[in-house]
Amino acid sequence: MKLIIATIKPFKLEEVREALTSIGVRGMMVTEIKGFGSQSGHTEIYRGAEYAVNFVPKVKLEIVVSAAMADEVVSTIATTAKTDKIGDGKIFTLDVESALRVRTGETNDDAI
């Protein structure tokens, strides 16, 4: 099993969710986060004063899938979330040692 962690732009969330559902992803966890990378934040003007915004709003997706599906999920997220502008996000893939569905007691692939 693999854990895929992706940070994407918030306005891309629904489009990415629909694309993942269409390839068979049955669940994901979504968290609103703030962060910065290459873009290092930006400046905004509020009531005539300029302010530095050091953290940019992002959405973090956490998806556990079978190892066989991982490459397809990463590819789907990458193509769907891409805007060709700075700040499109990052995708990380990690190994998952075990999984347990609390309600049924199913483990590993059966739990996801």
C-alpha atoms as a PDB file:
ATOM      1  CA  MET A   1       0.000   0.000   0.000  1.00  0.00           C
ATOM      2  CA  LYS A   2       1.086   3.587  -0.625  1.00  0.00           C
ATOM      3  CA  LEU A   3       0.235   6.893   1.040  1.00  0.00           C
ATOM      4  CA  ILE A   4       0.092   9.731  -1.446  1.00  0.00           C
ATOM      5  CA  ILE A   5       0.329  13.230   0.020  1.00  0.00           C
ATOM      6  CA  ALA A   6      -0.388  16.028  -2.426  1.00  0.00           C
ATOM      7  CA  THR A   7      -0.532  19.783  -1.929  1.00  0.00           C
ATOM      8  CA  ILE A   8      -2.574  21.596  -4.550  1.00  0.00           C
ATOM      9  CA  LYS A   9      -4.213  24.959  -5.149  1.00  0.00           C
ATOM     10  CA  PRO A  10      -7.594  25.150  -3.376  1.00  0.00           C
ATOM     11  CA  PHE A  11      -9.618  25.942  -6.503  1.00  0.00           C
ATOM     12  CA  LYS A  12      -8.411  22.670  -8.080  1.00  0.00           C
ATOM     13  CA  LEU A  13      -9.801  20.453  -5.287  1.00  0.00           C
ATOM     14  CA  GLU A  14     -13.151  19.552  -6.844  1.00  0.00           C
ATOM     15  CA  GLU A  15     -11.632  18.856 -10.256  1.00  0.00           C
ATOM     16  CA  VAL A  16      -8.971  16.598  -8.709  1.00  0.00           C
ATOM     17  CA  ARG A  17     -11.571  14.807  -6.557  1.00  0.00           C
ATOM     18  CA  GLU A  18     -13.730  14.078  -9.617  1.00  0.00           C
ATOM     19  CA  ALA A  19     -10.723  12.797 -11.591  1.00  0.00           C
ATOM     20  CA  LEU A  20      -9.639  10.519  -8.741  1.00  0.00           C
ATOM     21  CA  THR A  21     -13.162   9.176  -8.255  1.00  0.00           C
ATOM     22  CA  SER A  22     -13.340   8.359 -11.969  1.00  0.00           C
ATOM     23  CA  ILE A  23     -10.227   6.136 -11.736  1.00  0.00           C
ATOM     24  CA  GLY A  24     -11.534   4.254  -8.698  1.00  0.00           C
ATOM     25  CA  VAL A  25     -10.209   6.105  -5.655  1.00  0.00           C
ATOM     26  CA  ARG A  26     -12.793   5.510  -2.931  1.00  0.00           C
ATOM     27  CA  GLY A  27     -11.679   7.943  -0.264  1.00  0.00           C
ATOM     28  CA  MET A  28      -9.275  10.670   0.739  1.00  0.00           C
ATOM     29  CA  MET A  29      -8.564  13.061   3.576  1.00  0.00           C
ATOM     30  CA  VAL A  30      -8.486  16.783   2.809  1.00  0.00           C
ATOM     31  CA  THR A  31      -6.932  19.474   4.989  1.00  0.00           C
ATOM     32  CA  GLU A  32      -6.737  23.218   4.396  1.00  0.00           C
ATOM     33  CA  ILE A  33      -3.137  24.283   4.998  1.00  0.00           C
ATOM     34  CA  LYS A  34      -0.830  27.238   4.485  1.00  0.00           C
ATOM     35  CA  GLY A  35       2.701  27.027   3.204  1.00  0.00           C
ATOM     36  CA  PHE A  36       5.287  28.357   0.836  1.00  0.00           C
ATOM     37  CA  GLY A  37       7.849  27.010  -1.569  1.00  0.00           C
ATOM     38  CA  SER A  38       9.453  28.606  -4.592  1.00  0.00           C
ATOM     39  CA  GLN A  39       6.947  31.425  -4.602  1.00  0.00           C
ATOM     40  CA  SER A  40       7.929  32.496  -1.042  1.00  0.00           C
ATOM     41  CA  GLY A  41       4.612  34.233  -0.446  1.00  0.00           C
ATOM     42  CA  HIS A  42       3.521  37.508  -2.008  1.00  0.00           C
ATOM     43  CA  THR A  43       2.440  41.036  -1.098  1.00  0.00           C
ATOM     44  CA  GLU A  44      -1.103  42.359  -0.903  1.00  0.00           C
ATOM     45  CA  ILE A  45      -2.467  45.859  -0.449  1.00  0.00           C
ATOM     46  CA  TYR A  46      -5.112  46.306   2.264  1.00  0.00           C
ATOM     47  CA  ARG A  47      -6.591  49.758   2.913  1.00  0.00           C
ATOM     48  CA  GLY A  48      -3.691  51.410   1.171  1.00  0.00           C
ATOM     49  CA  ALA A  49      -0.951  49.616   3.094  1.00  0.00           C
ATOM     50  CA  GLU A  50       1.193  46.866   1.627  1.00  0.00           C
ATOM     51  CA  TYR A  51       1.486  43.633   3.623  1.00  0.00           C
ATOM     52  CA  ALA A  52       3.697  40.600   3.087  1.00  0.00           C
ATOM     53  CA  VAL A  53       1.738  37.356   2.932  1.00  0.00           C
ATOM     54  CA  ASN A  54       4.367  34.752   3.785  1.00  0.00           C
ATOM     55  CA  PHE A  55       2.114  31.692   3.676  1.00  0.00           C
ATOM     56  CA  VAL A  56      -0.092  30.802   0.732  1.00  0.00           C
ATOM     57  CA  PRO A  57      -3.354  28.833   1.172  1.00  0.00           C
ATOM     58  CA  LYS A  58      -3.147  25.255  -0.122  1.00  0.00           C
ATOM     59  CA  VAL A  59      -5.104  22.037   0.189  1.00  0.00           C
ATOM     60  CA  LYS A  60      -3.425  18.825   1.348  1.00  0.00           C
ATOM     61  CA  LEU A  61      -4.789  15.504   0.082  1.00  0.00           C
ATOM     62  CA  GLU A  62      -3.900  12.244   1.801  1.00  0.00           C
ATOM     63  CA  ILE A  63      -4.833   9.105  -0.118  1.00  0.00           C
ATOM     64  CA  VAL A  64      -3.997   5.481   0.684  1.00  0.00           C
ATOM     65  CA  VAL A  65      -4.179   3.142  -2.312  1.00  0.00           C
ATOM     66  CA  SER A  66      -2.843  -0.248  -3.335  1.00  0.00           C
ATOM     67  CA  ALA A  67       0.734  -0.146  -4.606  1.00  0.00           C
ATOM     68  CA  ALA A  68      -0.511  -1.097  -8.082  1.00  0.00           C
ATOM     69  CA  MET A  69      -2.680   2.030  -8.259  1.00  0.00           C
ATOM     70  CA  ALA A  70      -0.163   4.531  -6.898  1.00  0.00           C
ATOM     71  CA  ASP A  71       1.416   5.615 -10.190  1.00  0.00           C
ATOM     72  CA  GLU A  72      -1.994   6.191 -11.799  1.00  0.00           C
ATOM     73  CA  VAL A  73      -3.165   8.267  -8.824  1.00  0.00           C
ATOM     74  CA  VAL A  74       0.000  10.403  -8.860  1.00  0.00           C
ATOM     75  CA  SER A  75      -0.323  10.936 -12.608  1.00  0.00           C
ATOM     76  CA  THR A  76      -3.998  11.869 -12.319  1.00  0.00           C
ATOM     77  CA  ILE A  77      -3.341  14.407  -9.563  1.00  0.00           C
ATOM     78  CA  ALA A  78      -0.381  15.894 -11.448  1.00  0.00           C
ATOM     79  CA  THR A  79      -2.245  16.389 -14.718  1.00  0.00           C
ATOM     80  CA  THR A  80      -5.486  17.604 -13.122  1.00  0.00           C
ATOM     81  CA  ALA A  81      -3.915  20.042 -10.630  1.00  0.00           C
ATOM     82  CA  LYS A  82      -1.447  21.543 -13.113  1.00  0.00           C
ATOM     83  CA  THR A  83      -1.939  25.205 -14.083  1.00  0.00           C
ATOM     84  CA  ASP A  84       1.595  25.809 -15.430  1.00  0.00           C
ATOM     85  CA  LYS A  85       2.014  28.580 -12.855  1.00  0.00           C
ATOM     86  CA  ILE A  86       4.233  28.740  -9.795  1.00  0.00           C
ATOM     87  CA  GLY A  87       2.670  27.165  -6.716  1.00  0.00           C
ATOM     88  CA  ASP A  88       0.960  24.199  -8.391  1.00  0.00           C
ATOM     89  CA  GLY A  89       2.061  22.009  -5.482  1.00  0.00           C
ATOM     90  CA  LYS A  90       3.966  18.837  -4.696  1.00  0.00           C
ATOM     91  CA  ILE A  91       3.185  15.113  -4.516  1.00  0.00           C
ATOM     92  CA  PHE A  92       4.897  12.663  -2.165  1.00  0.00           C
ATOM     93  CA  THR A  93       4.523   8.867  -2.131  1.00  0.00           C
ATOM     94  CA  LEU A  94       5.291   6.855   1.011  1.00  0.00           C
ATOM     95  CA  ASP A  95       5.023   3.183   1.932  1.00  0.00           C
ATOM     96  CA  VAL A  96       2.213   2.199   4.313  1.00  0.00           C
ATOM     97  CA  GLU A  97       3.024  -0.657   6.649  1.00  0.00           C
ATOM     98  CA  SER A  98      -0.543  -1.517   7.647  1.00  0.00           C
ATOM     99  CA  ALA A  99      -4.117  -0.269   7.589  1.00  0.00           C
ATOM    100  CA  LEU A 100      -7.135  -1.141   9.741  1.00  0.00           C
ATOM    101  CA  ARG A 101     -10.788  -0.281   9.169  1.00  0.00           C
ATOM    102  CA  VAL A 102     -12.043   0.419  12.701  1.00  0.00           C
ATOM    103  CA  ARG A 103     -15.704  -0.452  12.051  1.00  0.00           C
ATOM    104  CA  THR A 104     -15.143  -3.937  10.554  1.00  0.00           C
ATOM    105  CA  GLY A 105     -11.656  -4.909  11.652  1.00  0.00           C
ATOM    106  CA  GLU A 106     -10.572  -5.413   8.014  1.00  0.00           C
ATOM    107  CA  THR A 107      -6.862  -4.938   7.467  1.00  0.00           C
ATOM    108  CA  ASN A 108      -4.488  -3.739   4.754  1.00  0.00           C
ATOM    109  CA  ASP A 109      -5.888  -3.782   1.173  1.00  0.00           C
ATOM    110  CA  ASP A 110      -9.342  -4.838   2.449  1.00  0.00           C
ATOM    111  CA  ALA A 111      -9.387  -1.779   4.717  1.00  0.00           C
ATOM    112  CA  ILE A 112      -8.876   0.694   1.892  1.00  0.00           C
END
